[in-house]
Structure formats: structure tokens, C-alpha cells
Amino acid sequence: MAIANLRFLDGQTAKVEMRGEQSTKAVRRQLGGRTTARLALMTVVVIAAVFLNAPLGIGIVSGLVLYQLVFVSTLCVS
């Protein structure tokens, strides 16, 4: 699931159109809506997994949290 999240993130960032001197606010607005939709989809999948099989859902949540921590820490280091 973390890999799917990363693939969606890469695809969304690639789709952001840079037209000349585009403001940062416009870029954030483009990414904001897409990020919200992506995170909402991931939340629905995780909640469904928790209801279907609690240990599996908790494992998915733990894996996503661990992935985000590693992802953010690598961004901070570089």
C-alpha cells in the first residue's frame, strides 16, 4: 500500500503543469486537491481493512506510519 501511495504521489507531481512564472500558491493548490483525494482513498481502504480483518488493518496502518516516518526523515536529511 505504501508503494501504491508513492506511485500516486509521483504521478500527481508529474501532472502539475509549470507554465512560465507560475506562483507557488497555484502549484500548492493543484497538489492540494490531488493529495486530499489520494489520502481520502487510502483512508477508506485502511478503514475497510480494519473492519474486515482487525490485525491486517492494524498492520497496514503501522506499515503506512513507518513508511511516512522513513520518507519524511530522508527528506529532512537530504
PDB file of N, CA and C in Angstrom:
ATOM      1  N   MET A   1       0.818  -1.182   0.000  1.00  0.00           N
ATOM      2  CA  MET A   1       0.000   0.000   0.000  1.00  0.00           C
ATOM      3  C   MET A   1       0.875   1.264   0.000  1.00  0.00           C
ATOM      4  N   ALA A   2       1.994   1.203   0.716  1.00  0.00           N
ATOM      5  CA  ALA A   2       2.904   2.346   0.730  1.00  0.00           C
ATOM      6  C   ALA A   2       3.498   2.581  -0.660  1.00  0.00           C
ATOM      7  N   ILE A   3       3.752   1.494  -1.379  1.00  0.00           N
ATOM      8  CA  ILE A   3       4.293   1.630  -2.735  1.00  0.00           C
ATOM      9  C   ILE A   3       3.251   2.258  -3.656  1.00  0.00           C
ATOM     10  N   ALA A   4       1.991   1.850  -3.496  1.00  0.00           N
ATOM     11  CA  ALA A   4       0.920   2.455  -4.295  1.00  0.00           C
ATOM     12  C   ALA A   4       0.790   3.943  -3.969  1.00  0.00           C
ATOM     13  N   ASN A   5       0.926   4.278  -2.694  1.00  0.00           N
ATOM     14  CA  ASN A   5       0.870   5.671  -2.276  1.00  0.00           C
ATOM     15  C   ASN A   5       1.986   6.477  -2.936  1.00  0.00           C
ATOM     16  N   LEU A   6       3.187   5.912  -2.963  1.00  0.00           N
ATOM     17  CA  LEU A   6       4.321   6.592  -3.588  1.00  0.00           C
ATOM     18  C   LEU A   6       4.114   6.744  -5.091  1.00  0.00           C
ATOM     19  N   ARG A   7       3.570   5.712  -5.733  1.00  0.00           N
ATOM     20  CA  ARG A   7       3.307   5.790  -7.177  1.00  0.00           C
ATOM     21  C   ARG A   7       2.280   6.882  -7.492  1.00  0.00           C
ATOM     22  N   PHE A   8       1.223   6.955  -6.682  1.00  0.00           N
ATOM     23  CA  PHE A   8       0.223   8.008  -6.869  1.00  0.00           C
ATOM     24  C   PHE A   8       0.846   9.387  -6.659  1.00  0.00           C
ATOM     25  N   LEU A   9       1.696   9.507  -5.655  1.00  0.00           N
ATOM     26  CA  LEU A   9       2.361  10.780  -5.376  1.00  0.00           C
ATOM     27  C   LEU A   9       3.244  11.198  -6.542  1.00  0.00           C
ATOM     28  N   ASP A  10       4.020  10.262  -7.079  1.00  0.00           N
ATOM     29  CA  ASP A  10       4.874  10.561  -8.238  1.00  0.00           C
ATOM     30  C   ASP A  10       4.046  10.994  -9.440  1.00  0.00           C
ATOM     31  N   GLY A  11       2.952  10.270  -9.680  1.00  0.00           N
ATOM     32  CA  GLY A  11       2.088  10.610 -10.812  1.00  0.00           C
ATOM     33  C   GLY A  11       1.462  11.979 -10.669  1.00  0.00           C
ATOM     34  N   GLN A  12       1.036  12.299  -9.453  1.00  0.00           N
ATOM     35  CA  GLN A  12       0.407  13.593  -9.218  1.00  0.00           C
ATOM     36  C   GLN A  12       1.389  14.736  -9.380  1.00  0.00           C
ATOM     37  N   THR A  13       2.608  14.547  -8.898  1.00  0.00           N
ATOM     38  CA  THR A  13       3.592  15.615  -9.036  1.00  0.00           C
ATOM     39  C   THR A  13       4.004  15.798 -10.490  1.00  0.00           C
ATOM     40  N   ALA A  14       4.029  14.707 -11.232  1.00  0.00           N
ATOM     41  CA  ALA A  14       4.391  14.814 -12.642  1.00  0.00           C
ATOM     42  C   ALA A  14       3.312  15.534 -13.445  1.00  0.00           C
ATOM     43  N   LYS A  15       2.062  15.451 -12.998  1.00  0.00           N
ATOM     44  CA  LYS A  15       0.967  16.077 -13.730  1.00  0.00           C
ATOM     45  C   LYS A  15       0.832  17.579 -13.472  1.00  0.00           C
ATOM     46  N   VAL A  16       1.516  18.077 -12.464  1.00  0.00           N
ATOM     47  CA  VAL A  16       1.444  19.511 -12.176  1.00  0.00           C
ATOM     48  C   VAL A  16       2.106  20.257 -13.323  1.00  0.00           C
ATOM     49  N   GLU A  17       1.364  21.152 -13.902  1.00  0.00           N
ATOM     50  CA  GLU A  17       1.864  21.891 -15.059  1.00  0.00           C
ATOM     51  C   GLU A  17       2.557  23.162 -14.600  1.00  0.00           C
ATOM     52  N   MET A  18       3.768  23.335 -15.056  1.00  0.00           N
ATOM     53  CA  MET A  18       4.504  24.557 -14.768  1.00  0.00           C
ATOM     54  C   MET A  18       4.453  25.432 -16.008  1.00  0.00           C
ATOM     55  N   ARG A  19       3.726  26.498 -15.911  1.00  0.00           N
ATOM     56  CA  ARG A  19       3.597  27.425 -17.043  1.00  0.00           C
ATOM     57  C   ARG A  19       4.349  28.713 -16.723  1.00  0.00           C
ATOM     58  N   GLY A  20       5.502  28.876 -17.323  1.00  0.00           N
ATOM     59  CA  GLY A  20       6.282  30.094 -17.138  1.00  0.00           C
ATOM     60  C   GLY A  20       6.565  30.382 -15.675  1.00  0.00           C
ATOM     61  N   GLU A  21       6.235  31.586 -15.255  1.00  0.00           N
ATOM     62  CA  GLU A  21       6.451  32.008 -13.869  1.00  0.00           C
ATOM     63  C   GLU A  21       5.179  31.772 -13.064  1.00  0.00           C
ATOM     64  N   GLN A  22       4.891  30.524 -12.799  1.00  0.00           N
ATOM     65  CA  GLN A  22       3.696  30.183 -12.040  1.00  0.00           C
ATOM     66  C   GLN A  22       3.983  30.332 -10.544  1.00  0.00           C
ATOM     67  N   SER A  23       3.039  30.884  -9.819  1.00  0.00           N
ATOM     68  CA  SER A  23       3.261  31.135  -8.399  1.00  0.00           C
ATOM     69  C   SER A  23       3.231  29.837  -7.605  1.00  0.00           C
ATOM     70  N   THR A  24       3.871  29.877  -6.477  1.00  0.00           N
ATOM     71  CA  THR A  24       3.901  28.707  -5.599  1.00  0.00           C
ATOM     72  C   THR A  24       2.502  28.398  -5.090  1.00  0.00           C
ATOM     73  N   LYS A  25       1.709  29.421  -4.908  1.00  0.00           N
ATOM     74  CA  LYS A  25       0.336  29.231  -4.418  1.00  0.00           C
ATOM     75  C   LYS A  25      -0.485  28.410  -5.413  1.00  0.00           C
ATOM     76  N   ALA A  26      -0.307  28.668  -6.695  1.00  0.00           N
ATOM     77  CA  ALA A  26      -1.040  27.917  -7.715  1.00  0.00           C
ATOM     78  C   ALA A  26      -0.596  26.457  -7.744  1.00  0.00           C
ATOM     79  N   VAL A  27       0.686  26.220  -7.584  1.00  0.00           N
ATOM     80  CA  VAL A  27       1.203  24.850  -7.566  1.00  0.00           C
ATOM     81  C   VAL A  27       0.676  24.117  -6.341  1.00  0.00           C
ATOM     82  N   ARG A  28       0.682  24.777  -5.197  1.00  0.00           N
ATOM     83  CA  ARG A  28       0.157  24.161  -3.974  1.00  0.00           C
ATOM     84  C   ARG A  28      -1.329  23.849  -4.106  1.00  0.00           C
ATOM     85  N   ARG A  29      -2.058  24.718  -4.760  1.00  0.00           N
ATOM     86  CA  ARG A  29      -3.491  24.486  -4.954  1.00  0.00           C
ATOM     87  C   ARG A  29      -3.711  23.254  -5.832  1.00  0.00           C
ATOM     88  N   GLN A  30      -2.910  23.116  -6.888  1.00  0.00           N
ATOM     89  CA  GLN A  30      -3.026  21.944  -7.761  1.00  0.00           C
ATOM     90  C   GLN A  30      -2.716  20.663  -7.000  1.00  0.00           C
ATOM     91  N   LEU A  31      -1.649  20.688  -6.227  1.00  0.00           N
ATOM     92  CA  LEU A  31      -1.255  19.496  -5.480  1.00  0.00           C
ATOM     93  C   LEU A  31      -2.182  19.229  -4.298  1.00  0.00           C
ATOM     94  N   GLY A  32      -2.739  20.276  -3.714  1.00  0.00           N
ATOM     95  CA  GLY A  32      -3.579  20.127  -2.529  1.00  0.00           C
ATOM     96  C   GLY A  32      -4.810  19.274  -2.765  1.00  0.00           C
ATOM     97  N   GLY A  33      -5.526  19.546  -3.834  1.00  0.00           N
ATOM     98  CA  GLY A  33      -6.728  18.768  -4.137  1.00  0.00           C
ATOM     99  C   GLY A  33      -6.414  17.318  -4.446  1.00  0.00           C
ATOM    100  N   ARG A  34      -5.363  17.113  -5.194  1.00  0.00           N
ATOM    101  CA  ARG A  34      -4.975  15.742  -5.546  1.00  0.00           C
ATOM    102  C   ARG A  34      -4.486  14.973  -4.317  1.00  0.00           C
ATOM    103  N   THR A  35      -3.757  15.644  -3.455  1.00  0.00           N
ATOM    104  CA  THR A  35      -3.259  14.997  -2.246  1.00  0.00           C
ATOM    105  C   THR A  35      -4.413  14.626  -1.330  1.00  0.00           C
ATOM    106  N   THR A  36      -5.390  15.515  -1.198  1.00  0.00           N
ATOM    107  CA  THR A  36      -6.550  15.232  -0.367  1.00  0.00           C
ATOM    108  C   THR A  36      -7.311  14.020  -0.891  1.00  0.00           C
ATOM    109  N   ALA A  37      -7.502  13.937  -2.188  1.00  0.00           N
ATOM    110  CA  ALA A  37      -8.205  12.797  -2.777  1.00  0.00           C
ATOM    111  C   ALA A  37      -7.417  11.504  -2.575  1.00  0.00           C
ATOM    112  N   ARG A  38      -6.107  11.559  -2.740  1.00  0.00           N
ATOM    113  CA  ARG A  38      -5.265  10.371  -2.561  1.00  0.00           C
ATOM    114  C   ARG A  38      -5.299   9.886  -1.120  1.00  0.00           C
ATOM    115  N   LEU A  39      -5.188  10.808  -0.177  1.00  0.00           N
ATOM    116  CA  LEU A  39      -5.217  10.423   1.231  1.00  0.00           C
ATOM    117  C   LEU A  39      -6.598   9.924   1.652  1.00  0.00           C
ATOM    118  N   ALA A  40      -7.662  10.495   1.078  1.00  0.00           N
ATOM    119  CA  ALA A  40      -9.013  10.020   1.380  1.00  0.00           C
ATOM    120  C   ALA A  40      -9.192   8.587   0.885  1.00  0.00           C
ATOM    121  N   LEU A  41      -8.689   8.292  -0.301  1.00  0.00           N
ATOM    122  CA  LEU A  41      -8.765   6.935  -0.837  1.00  0.00           C
ATOM    123  C   LEU A  41      -8.000   5.952   0.052  1.00  0.00           C
ATOM    124  N   MET A  42      -6.799   6.322   0.459  1.00  0.00           N
ATOM    125  CA  MET A  42      -6.010   5.454   1.343  1.00  0.00           C
ATOM    126  C   MET A  42      -6.722   5.245   2.682  1.00  0.00           C
ATOM    127  N   THR A  43      -7.362   6.280   3.199  1.00  0.00           N
ATOM    128  CA  THR A  43      -8.085   6.170   4.467  1.00  0.00           C
ATOM    129  C   THR A  43      -9.248   5.207   4.351  1.00  0.00           C
ATOM    130  N   VAL A  44      -9.990   5.282   3.258  1.00  0.00           N
ATOM    131  CA  VAL A  44     -11.121   4.374   3.044  1.00  0.00           C
ATOM    132  C   VAL A  44     -10.641   2.931   2.972  1.00  0.00           C
ATOM    133  N   VAL A  45      -9.538   2.699   2.259  1.00  0.00           N
ATOM    134  CA  VAL A  45      -9.004   1.343   2.139  1.00  0.00           C
ATOM    135  C   VAL A  45      -8.557   0.811   3.500  1.00  0.00           C
ATOM    136  N   VAL A  46      -7.889   1.638   4.286  1.00  0.00           N
ATOM    137  CA  VAL A  46      -7.414   1.213   5.602  1.00  0.00           C
ATOM    138  C   VAL A  46      -8.584   0.937   6.542  1.00  0.00           C
ATOM    139  N   ILE A  47      -9.589   1.800   6.549  1.00  0.00           N
ATOM    140  CA  ILE A  47     -10.755   1.580   7.415  1.00  0.00           C
ATOM    141  C   ILE A  47     -11.481   0.305   7.020  1.00  0.00           C
ATOM    142  N   ALA A  48     -11.600   0.064   5.728  1.00  0.00           N
ATOM    143  CA  ALA A  48     -12.232  -1.184   5.271  1.00  0.00           C
ATOM    144  C   ALA A  48     -11.418  -2.393   5.727  1.00  0.00           C
ATOM    145  N   ALA A  49     -10.106  -2.302   5.652  1.00  0.00           N
ATOM    146  CA  ALA A  49      -9.254  -3.417   6.089  1.00  0.00           C
ATOM    147  C   ALA A  49      -9.378  -3.650   7.591  1.00  0.00           C
ATOM    148  N   VAL A  50      -9.503  -2.574   8.364  1.00  0.00           N
ATOM    149  CA  VAL A  50      -9.658  -2.720   9.816  1.00  0.00           C
ATOM    150  C   VAL A  50     -10.972  -3.426  10.139  1.00  0.00           C
ATOM    151  N   PHE A  51     -12.043  -3.080   9.425  1.00  0.00           N
ATOM    152  CA  PHE A  51     -13.338  -3.713   9.683  1.00  0.00           C
ATOM    153  C   PHE A  51     -13.375  -5.167   9.209  1.00  0.00           C
ATOM    154  N   LEU A  52     -12.710  -5.454   8.087  1.00  0.00           N
ATOM    155  CA  LEU A  52     -12.723  -6.813   7.567  1.00  0.00           C
ATOM    156  C   LEU A  52     -11.842  -7.751   8.388  1.00  0.00           C
ATOM    157  N   ASN A  53     -10.662  -7.283   8.749  1.00  0.00           N
ATOM    158  CA  ASN A  53      -9.729  -8.111   9.497  1.00  0.00           C
ATOM    159  C   ASN A  53      -8.878  -7.173  10.347  1.00  0.00           C
ATOM    160  N   ALA A  54      -9.189  -7.092  11.637  1.00  0.00           N
ATOM    161  CA  ALA A  54      -8.551  -6.108  12.516  1.00  0.00           C
ATOM    162  C   ALA A  54      -7.021  -6.210  12.535  1.00  0.00           C
ATOM    163  N   PRO A  55      -6.436  -7.407  12.707  1.00  0.00           N
ATOM    164  CA  PRO A  55      -4.961  -7.465  12.715  1.00  0.00           C
ATOM    165  C   PRO A  55      -4.339  -7.001  11.396  1.00  0.00           C
ATOM    166  N   LEU A  56      -4.970  -7.337  10.287  1.00  0.00           N
ATOM    167  CA  LEU A  56      -4.472  -6.891   8.990  1.00  0.00           C
ATOM    168  C   LEU A  56      -4.549  -5.369   8.876  1.00  0.00           C
ATOM    169  N   GLY A  57      -5.672  -4.797   9.280  1.00  0.00           N
ATOM    170  CA  GLY A  57      -5.838  -3.343   9.229  1.00  0.00           C
ATOM    171  C   GLY A  57      -4.837  -2.617  10.093  1.00  0.00           C
ATOM    172  N   ILE A  58      -4.604  -3.146  11.306  1.00  0.00           N
ATOM    173  CA  ILE A  58      -3.631  -2.524  12.197  1.00  0.00           C
ATOM    174  C   ILE A  58      -2.227  -2.649  11.609  1.00  0.00           C
ATOM    175  N   GLY A  59      -1.948  -3.766  10.959  1.00  0.00           N
ATOM    176  CA  GLY A  59      -0.658  -3.938  10.292  1.00  0.00           C
ATOM    177  C   GLY A  59      -0.465  -2.952   9.154  1.00  0.00           C
ATOM    178  N   ILE A  60      -1.526  -2.720   8.393  1.00  0.00           N
ATOM    179  CA  ILE A  60      -1.452  -1.750   7.290  1.00  0.00           C
ATOM    180  C   ILE A  60      -1.219  -0.350   7.834  1.00  0.00           C
ATOM    181  N   VAL A  61      -1.945   0.013   8.886  1.00  0.00           N
ATOM    182  CA  VAL A  61      -1.771   1.338   9.488  1.00  0.00           C
ATOM    183  C   VAL A  61      -0.340   1.492  10.006  1.00  0.00           C
ATOM    184  N   SER A  62       0.159   0.474  10.692  1.00  0.00           N
ATOM    185  CA  SER A  62       1.530   0.534  11.218  1.00  0.00           C
ATOM    186  C   SER A  62       2.551   0.662  10.088  1.00  0.00           C
ATOM    187  N   GLY A  63       2.342  -0.079   9.022  1.00  0.00           N
ATOM    188  CA  GLY A  63       3.247  -0.006   7.879  1.00  0.00           C
ATOM    189  C   GLY A  63       3.240   1.356   7.223  1.00  0.00           C
ATOM    190  N   LEU A  64       2.060   1.950   7.086  1.00  0.00           N
ATOM    191  CA  LEU A  64       1.973   3.281   6.480  1.00  0.00           C
ATOM    192  C   LEU A  64       2.623   4.342   7.367  1.00  0.00           C
ATOM    193  N   VAL A  65       2.439   4.219   8.676  1.00  0.00           N
ATOM    194  CA  VAL A  65       3.074   5.168   9.599  1.00  0.00           C
ATOM    195  C   VAL A  65       4.589   5.037   9.511  1.00  0.00           C
ATOM    196  N   LEU A  66       5.078   3.817   9.524  1.00  0.00           N
ATOM    197  CA  LEU A  66       6.523   3.590   9.415  1.00  0.00           C
ATOM    198  C   LEU A  66       7.063   4.139   8.095  1.00  0.00           C
ATOM    199  N   TYR A  67       6.332   3.904   7.010  1.00  0.00           N
ATOM    200  CA  TYR A  67       6.740   4.406   5.702  1.00  0.00           C
ATOM    201  C   TYR A  67       6.824   5.933   5.707  1.00  0.00           C
ATOM    202  N   GLN A  68       5.806   6.592   6.271  1.00  0.00           N
ATOM    203  CA  GLN A  68       5.805   8.056   6.298  1.00  0.00           C
ATOM    204  C   GLN A  68       6.960   8.599   7.133  1.00  0.00           C
ATOM    205  N   LEU A  69       7.244   7.950   8.253  1.00  0.00           N
ATOM    206  CA  LEU A  69       8.369   8.396   9.089  1.00  0.00           C
ATOM    207  C   LEU A  69       9.689   8.284   8.340  1.00  0.00           C
ATOM    208  N   VAL A  70       9.907   7.172   7.663  1.00  0.00           N
ATOM    209  CA  VAL A  70      11.143   6.983   6.892  1.00  0.00           C
ATOM    210  C   VAL A  70      11.195   7.984   5.733  1.00  0.00           C
ATOM    211  N   PHE A  71      10.077   8.177   5.050  1.00  0.00           N
ATOM    212  CA  PHE A  71      10.009   9.084   3.911  1.00  0.00           C
ATOM    213  C   PHE A  71      10.350  10.525   4.343  1.00  0.00           C
ATOM    214  N   VAL A  72       9.734  10.971   5.415  1.00  0.00           N
ATOM    215  CA  VAL A  72       9.976  12.341   5.892  1.00  0.00           C
ATOM    216  C   VAL A  72      11.400  12.487   6.425  1.00  0.00           C
ATOM    217  N   SER A  73      11.909  11.472   7.105  1.00  0.00           N
ATOM    218  CA  SER A  73      13.275  11.573   7.629  1.00  0.00           C
ATOM    219  C   SER A  73      14.300  11.628   6.496  1.00  0.00           C
ATOM    220  N   THR A  74      14.071  10.939   5.395  1.00  0.00           N
ATOM    221  CA  THR A  74      15.007  11.017   4.269  1.00  0.00           C
ATOM    222  C   THR A  74      14.943  12.381   3.606  1.00  0.00           C
ATOM    223  N   LEU A  75      13.754  13.005   3.616  1.00  0.00           N
ATOM    224  CA  LEU A  75      13.644  14.350   3.055  1.00  0.00           C
ATOM    225  C   LEU A  75      14.365  15.374   3.927  1.00  0.00           C
ATOM    226  N   CYS A  76      14.301  15.169   5.230  1.00  0.00           N
ATOM    227  CA  CYS A  76      14.974  16.095   6.153  1.00  0.00           C
ATOM    228  C   CYS A  76      16.489  15.987   6.073  1.00  0.00           C
ATOM    229  N   VAL A  77      16.992  14.781   5.836  1.00  0.00           N
ATOM    230  CA  VAL A  77      18.439  14.554   5.788  1.00  0.00           C
ATOM    231  C   VAL A  77      19.026  15.114   4.503  1.00  0.00           C
ATOM    232  N   SER A  78      18.338  14.938   3.381  1.00  0.00           N
ATOM    233  CA  SER A  78      18.925  15.374   2.101  1.00  0.00           C
ATOM    234  C   SER A  78      18.728  16.811   1.811  1.00  0.00           C
TER     235      SER A  78
END
